[in-house]
Amino acid sequence: MALRDTDWAVAQYEAVRALLPQAKMPEQANRAAHLEEIADQFDVFILDAFGVLNIGETAIPGAPERVRTLRQMGKHLRVLTNGATHPAQVSHQKFAALGFDFRLEEIVSSRDALNEALKARPETGTWGAMAAAGSQLESLAVPCAPLGFDRADYDAACGFLMLSTAEWTEAQQALLHDSLAANPRPVMVGNPDIVAPREEGLTLEPGYHAYELMRQLNIRPQFFGKPFGAVYDLAMTGPPKVDPTRVLVVGDTLHTDILGGAARGYRTALVTDHGLFSGMNTAPYVAQTGIVPDYIVPTT
């Protein structure tokens, strides 16, 4: 496999660009030192997790304090994450341990959007789940079981849920591929990210494997989470109705955070000192993709 660096990740997202939302972009990005500097322009802050609040299991320096300051200024806060491994309660506990004061209802994930869609599914039977230990599959709206290394479990599934690659292997991906090739069934992707920034570098996420299945089998998975629209509806159920231009989406990736926010008519801010573009000049990537944030900030 090619080296999983930022160039590789951007190329992967560009390869599936036709499947992503379209959005009107500003002509150029403005610069700010951090979110507090531009806070007076916005009423609602929708914050990504990885690359904005934390890297893996470590809080970004100053991020908990910045969040508290925004709250003291009367801003409405949401964490909007494509992390689908655990229910929101687990994420809430994690953020609390990292020093953040988010309320449970302020945390919205792609898993939540997936679960809402599952409630309306007509299938009967058990779904097979790409999942990690502790994923609490019983909290989902349909019966499901983790996928291991027995082909019979794949063939017996009425459909597939892609939640986490933390324990996923190439052998399991091959079993999923072969089972779908023999009998196409629904594939619902709880995390559309291709990569995620962690302490050890960029890791492959469920979106990568879903797009691979698309290319290989000519199937069309359903994606839930940024940049796709349903998750933003969930994120905005709590705050009061506001002008979309008074909502700021903050993230570390162009194709998920910035594109998704812009497609909803929100303003956007790209964080550059952490996450996908850590330590890099973002100008070439903005020019290459045409995805232009309203603001570029080094840190939260």
Protein backbone atom coordinates (compact mmCIF):
# COMPACT_ATOMS: atom_id res chain seq x y z
CA MET A 1 0.00 0.00 0.00
CA ALA A 2 1.16 3.54 -0.74
CA LEU A 3 2.45 5.62 2.15
CA ARG A 4 -0.51 7.00 4.10
CA ASP A 5 0.50 10.64 4.31
CA THR A 6 -1.46 13.83 3.69
CA ASP A 7 -0.86 13.77 -0.07
CA TRP A 8 -2.15 10.21 -0.23
CA ALA A 9 -5.21 11.04 1.88
CA VAL A 10 -6.16 14.08 -0.21
CA ALA A 11 -5.78 12.04 -3.39
CA GLN A 12 -8.08 9.36 -1.96
CA TYR A 13 -10.75 11.93 -1.15
CA GLU A 14 -10.41 13.55 -4.56
CA ALA A 15 -10.90 10.15 -6.20
CA VAL A 16 -14.41 9.98 -4.69
CA ARG A 17 -15.16 13.69 -4.98
CA ALA A 18 -18.13 13.11 -7.29
CA LEU A 19 -19.87 11.27 -4.44
CA LEU A 20 -19.44 14.12 -1.95
CA PRO A 21 -21.73 17.15 -1.56
CA GLN A 22 -21.28 20.25 -3.69
CA ALA A 23 -20.79 23.62 -2.03
CA LYS A 24 -20.22 27.29 -2.79
CA MET A 25 -16.85 28.41 -1.44
CA PRO A 26 -15.46 31.83 -0.50
CA GLU A 27 -12.88 33.30 -2.86
CA GLN A 28 -10.16 33.12 -0.22
CA ALA A 29 -9.64 32.25 3.42
CA ASN A 30 -9.13 34.76 6.20
CA ARG A 31 -6.57 34.18 8.94
CA ALA A 32 -7.06 34.20 12.69
CA ALA A 33 -4.92 33.08 15.61
CA HIS A 34 -7.66 30.99 17.26
CA LEU A 35 -11.43 30.71 17.58
CA GLU A 36 -11.82 33.28 20.32
CA GLU A 37 -10.49 35.94 17.96
CA ILE A 38 -13.48 35.49 15.61
CA ALA A 39 -16.07 34.37 18.16
CA ASP A 40 -18.14 37.55 17.99
CA GLN A 41 -19.18 36.66 14.42
CA PHE A 42 -20.85 33.36 15.41
CA ASP A 43 -23.54 32.03 17.70
CA VAL A 44 -23.00 28.28 17.20
CA PHE A 45 -19.69 26.40 17.04
CA ILE A 46 -19.72 22.89 15.58
CA LEU A 47 -16.40 21.35 16.55
CA ASP A 48 -14.73 18.29 15.09
CA ALA A 49 -13.08 16.00 17.64
CA PHE A 50 -9.89 14.54 16.12
CA GLY A 51 -7.53 17.34 15.15
CA VAL A 52 -9.58 20.06 16.85
CA LEU A 53 -10.15 18.88 20.42
CA ASN A 54 -7.86 15.88 20.67
CA ILE A 55 -5.34 13.72 18.87
CA GLY A 56 -6.09 10.14 19.81
CA GLU A 57 -6.29 10.01 23.60
CA THR A 58 -4.59 13.37 24.18
CA ALA A 59 -6.29 16.77 24.43
CA ILE A 60 -4.87 19.46 22.16
CA PRO A 61 -3.08 22.00 24.38
CA GLY A 62 -5.39 24.88 25.25
CA ALA A 63 -8.50 23.32 23.68
CA PRO A 64 -10.40 22.64 26.95
CA GLU A 65 -9.77 26.21 28.06
CA ARG A 66 -10.90 27.60 24.70
CA VAL A 67 -14.12 25.62 24.89
CA ARG A 68 -14.83 26.98 28.37
CA THR A 69 -14.19 30.52 27.15
CA LEU A 70 -16.61 30.12 24.24
CA ARG A 71 -19.25 28.82 26.63
CA GLN A 72 -18.69 31.78 28.97
CA MET A 73 -19.23 34.05 25.96
CA GLY A 74 -22.69 32.51 25.54
CA LYS A 75 -21.91 30.44 22.45
CA HIS A 76 -23.82 27.25 21.64
CA LEU A 77 -21.43 24.31 21.30
CA ARG A 78 -21.61 20.99 19.50
CA VAL A 79 -19.05 18.26 19.04
CA LEU A 80 -19.68 16.62 15.68
CA THR A 81 -17.54 13.55 15.18
CA ASN A 82 -17.30 10.79 12.61
CA GLY A 83 -16.18 8.44 15.36
CA ALA A 84 -18.74 5.62 15.28
CA THR A 85 -17.04 3.05 17.48
CA HIS A 86 -18.85 3.93 20.71
CA PRO A 87 -22.18 5.49 21.77
CA ALA A 88 -22.22 9.14 22.79
CA GLN A 89 -22.05 8.26 26.49
CA VAL A 90 -18.57 6.81 26.02
CA SER A 91 -17.40 9.87 24.09
CA HIS A 92 -18.83 12.09 26.82
CA GLN A 93 -16.78 10.26 29.45
CA LYS A 94 -13.67 10.50 27.29
CA PHE A 95 -14.01 14.25 26.80
CA ALA A 96 -14.61 14.77 30.51
CA ALA A 97 -11.41 12.85 31.28
CA LEU A 98 -9.55 15.11 28.83
CA GLY A 99 -10.77 18.23 30.66
CA PHE A 100 -13.70 19.28 28.45
CA ASP A 101 -17.03 20.33 29.99
CA PHE A 102 -19.38 19.21 27.21
CA ARG A 103 -22.86 18.07 28.12
CA LEU A 104 -23.99 14.72 26.76
CA GLU A 105 -26.56 16.30 24.46
CA GLU A 106 -23.83 18.47 22.90
CA ILE A 107 -22.03 15.43 21.46
CA VAL A 108 -23.34 14.15 18.12
CA SER A 109 -21.70 11.42 16.07
CA SER A 110 -22.06 9.75 12.72
CA ARG A 111 -23.14 6.68 14.69
CA ASP A 112 -26.20 8.66 15.83
CA ALA A 113 -27.11 9.47 12.22
CA LEU A 114 -26.64 5.84 11.22
CA ASN A 115 -28.82 4.66 14.09
CA GLU A 116 -31.63 7.01 13.11
CA ALA A 117 -31.56 5.54 9.60
CA LEU A 118 -31.52 1.99 10.94
CA LYS A 119 -34.83 2.58 12.70
CA ALA A 120 -36.54 2.78 9.32
CA ARG A 121 -34.83 -0.21 7.66
CA PRO A 122 -37.17 -2.97 6.41
CA GLU A 123 -34.71 -5.87 6.73
CA THR A 124 -35.29 -8.66 9.22
CA GLY A 125 -32.41 -10.66 10.57
CA THR A 126 -29.02 -9.86 12.02
CA TRP A 127 -26.63 -7.29 10.61
CA GLY A 128 -22.89 -7.98 10.52
CA ALA A 129 -20.80 -5.22 12.09
CA MET A 130 -17.26 -4.04 11.46
CA ALA A 131 -16.77 -3.18 15.10
CA ALA A 132 -14.28 -3.11 17.94
CA ALA A 133 -14.48 -4.50 21.45
CA GLY A 134 -16.72 -2.32 23.58
CA SER A 135 -18.76 -1.01 20.67
CA GLN A 136 -22.00 -1.77 22.54
CA LEU A 137 -23.77 -3.07 19.47
CA GLU A 138 -26.83 -3.79 21.58
CA SER A 139 -27.49 -0.03 21.71
CA LEU A 140 -28.17 0.08 17.97
CA ALA A 141 -31.69 -0.06 16.56
CA VAL A 142 -31.26 -3.41 14.78
CA PRO A 143 -29.93 -6.81 15.84
CA CYS A 144 -26.27 -7.03 14.91
CA ALA A 145 -23.19 -9.10 15.66
CA PRO A 146 -19.46 -8.41 15.26
CA LEU A 147 -17.77 -9.88 12.22
CA GLY A 148 -14.83 -12.20 12.83
CA PHE A 149 -13.17 -14.79 10.62
CA ASP A 150 -16.02 -17.19 9.86
CA ARG A 151 -17.37 -16.76 6.33
CA ALA A 152 -20.70 -18.23 7.43
CA ASP A 153 -21.32 -15.20 9.66
CA TYR A 154 -20.86 -12.87 6.69
CA ASP A 155 -23.15 -14.91 4.46
CA ALA A 156 -25.86 -15.05 7.15
CA ALA A 157 -25.97 -11.26 7.66
CA CYS A 158 -28.91 -9.34 6.20
CA GLY A 159 -26.63 -6.31 5.75
CA PHE A 160 -23.42 -4.77 7.03
CA LEU A 161 -22.56 -1.88 9.36
CA MET A 162 -19.10 -0.31 9.13
CA LEU A 163 -18.32 1.32 12.48
CA SER A 164 -14.65 0.89 13.37
CA THR A 165 -11.39 -0.36 11.88
CA ALA A 166 -9.60 -0.55 15.23
CA GLU A 167 -9.54 -4.36 15.07
CA TRP A 168 -10.28 -4.88 11.36
CA THR A 169 -7.87 -6.90 9.22
CA GLU A 170 -7.24 -7.49 5.53
CA ALA A 171 -8.51 -11.04 5.99
CA GLN A 172 -11.85 -9.77 7.30
CA GLN A 173 -12.08 -7.26 4.47
CA ALA A 174 -11.56 -10.10 1.99
CA LEU A 175 -14.34 -12.12 3.63
CA LEU A 176 -16.68 -9.13 3.43
CA HIS A 177 -15.77 -8.55 -0.21
CA ASP A 178 -16.35 -12.18 -1.19
CA SER A 179 -19.65 -12.43 0.67
CA LEU A 180 -20.98 -9.27 -0.97
CA ALA A 181 -19.76 -10.42 -4.38
CA ALA A 182 -21.75 -13.62 -3.98
CA ASN A 183 -24.83 -11.90 -2.55
CA PRO A 184 -25.11 -8.07 -2.61
CA ARG A 185 -26.77 -6.63 0.51
CA PRO A 186 -27.01 -3.18 2.11
CA VAL A 187 -23.79 -1.63 3.41
CA MET A 188 -24.21 1.26 5.84
CA VAL A 189 -21.09 3.21 6.78
CA GLY A 190 -21.09 4.77 10.23
CA ASN A 191 -17.76 6.52 9.69
CA PRO A 192 -17.16 7.89 6.17
CA ASP A 193 -13.63 9.09 6.99
CA ILE A 194 -10.87 7.66 4.85
CA VAL A 195 -8.16 8.40 7.42
CA ALA A 196 -7.96 9.76 10.97
CA PRO A 197 -5.03 11.50 12.70
CA ARG A 198 -3.82 9.66 15.77
CA GLU A 199 -0.66 9.71 17.87
CA GLU A 200 0.99 7.11 15.63
CA GLY A 201 0.00 8.83 12.38
CA LEU A 202 -2.87 8.44 9.91
CA THR A 203 -4.99 5.33 10.32
CA LEU A 204 -7.36 3.85 7.76
CA GLU A 205 -11.01 4.32 8.67
CA PRO A 206 -14.26 2.61 7.57
CA GLY A 207 -14.78 5.02 4.67
CA TYR A 208 -11.59 3.75 3.02
CA HIS A 209 -12.83 0.17 3.04
CA ALA A 210 -16.31 1.18 1.91
CA TYR A 211 -14.98 3.07 -1.10
CA GLU A 212 -12.80 0.07 -1.95
CA LEU A 213 -15.89 -2.13 -2.00
CA MET A 214 -17.60 0.40 -4.26
CA ARG A 215 -14.78 0.31 -6.77
CA GLN A 216 -14.39 -3.45 -6.71
CA LEU A 217 -18.02 -4.58 -6.66
CA ASN A 218 -20.00 -1.71 -8.17
CA ILE A 219 -22.15 -1.40 -5.05
CA ARG A 220 -23.32 1.81 -3.43
CA PRO A 221 -22.93 1.94 0.35
CA GLN A 222 -24.85 4.52 2.36
CA PHE A 223 -22.64 7.00 4.22
CA PHE A 224 -23.51 8.69 7.51
CA GLY A 225 -21.49 11.52 9.00
CA LYS A 226 -19.54 14.46 7.66
CA PRO A 227 -19.70 15.67 4.91
CA PHE A 228 -23.13 14.10 4.36
CA GLY A 229 -26.18 16.03 5.44
CA ALA A 230 -28.17 13.97 7.96
CA VAL A 231 -25.67 14.34 10.78
CA TYR A 232 -25.90 18.15 10.63
CA ASP A 233 -29.66 17.95 11.15
CA LEU A 234 -28.99 16.06 14.38
CA ALA A 235 -26.30 18.52 15.45
CA MET A 236 -28.63 21.48 15.05
CA THR A 237 -31.66 20.09 16.88
CA GLY A 238 -30.63 21.73 20.16
CA PRO A 239 -29.41 25.26 19.38
CA PRO A 240 -31.99 27.96 18.56
CA LYS A 241 -32.72 28.72 14.94
CA VAL A 242 -29.94 30.96 13.66
CA ASP A 243 -28.75 32.40 10.39
CA PRO A 244 -26.51 29.69 8.82
CA THR A 245 -23.78 32.29 8.41
CA ARG A 246 -23.71 32.59 12.22
CA VAL A 247 -22.73 28.91 12.51
CA LEU A 248 -19.03 28.01 12.36
CA VAL A 249 -17.91 24.47 11.55
CA VAL A 250 -14.37 23.82 12.79
CA GLY A 251 -12.29 20.90 11.55
CA ASP A 252 -8.93 19.65 10.34
CA THR A 253 -9.93 18.18 6.97
CA LEU A 254 -11.09 19.81 3.75
CA HIS A 255 -13.25 17.02 2.35
CA THR A 256 -15.22 16.25 5.52
CA ASP A 257 -15.35 19.24 7.88
CA ILE A 258 -14.96 22.17 5.48
CA LEU A 259 -16.86 20.76 2.50
CA GLY A 260 -19.66 19.40 4.69
CA GLY A 261 -20.10 22.67 6.56
CA ALA A 262 -20.04 24.77 3.40
CA ALA A 263 -22.60 22.51 1.74
CA ARG A 264 -25.02 23.39 4.56
CA GLY A 265 -24.41 27.11 4.12
CA TYR A 266 -22.38 27.38 7.33
CA ARG A 267 -19.08 29.21 7.72
CA THR A 268 -15.98 27.10 8.20
CA ALA A 269 -12.58 27.19 9.91
CA LEU A 270 -9.68 24.85 9.10
CA VAL A 271 -7.31 24.01 11.98
CA THR A 272 -3.79 23.52 10.65
CA ASP A 273 -1.43 22.85 13.57
CA HIS A 274 -3.07 19.54 14.46
CA GLY A 275 -4.64 16.71 12.52
CA LEU A 276 -4.37 16.04 8.81
CA PHE A 277 -2.39 19.17 7.86
CA SER A 278 -0.22 19.38 10.98
CA GLY A 279 2.93 21.39 10.25
CA MET A 280 2.09 21.75 6.55
CA ASN A 281 1.36 24.59 4.15
CA THR A 282 -2.33 24.16 3.34
CA ALA A 283 -2.35 26.53 0.34
CA PRO A 284 -1.46 23.84 -2.25
CA TYR A 285 -4.22 21.55 -0.99
CA VAL A 286 -6.82 24.32 -1.04
CA ALA A 287 -5.77 25.17 -4.59
CA GLN A 288 -5.79 21.51 -5.67
CA THR A 289 -9.24 20.75 -4.29
CA GLY A 290 -10.97 24.09 -4.60
CA ILE A 291 -12.28 23.59 -1.05
CA VAL A 292 -11.74 26.97 0.58
CA PRO A 293 -12.45 27.54 4.29
CA ASP A 294 -13.71 30.90 5.49
CA TYR A 295 -10.92 30.95 8.09
CA ILE A 296 -7.62 29.23 8.64
CA VAL A 297 -6.57 29.01 12.29
CA PRO A 298 -3.44 27.33 13.66
CA THR A 299 -5.27 25.96 16.69
CA THR A 300 -8.64 25.82 18.36
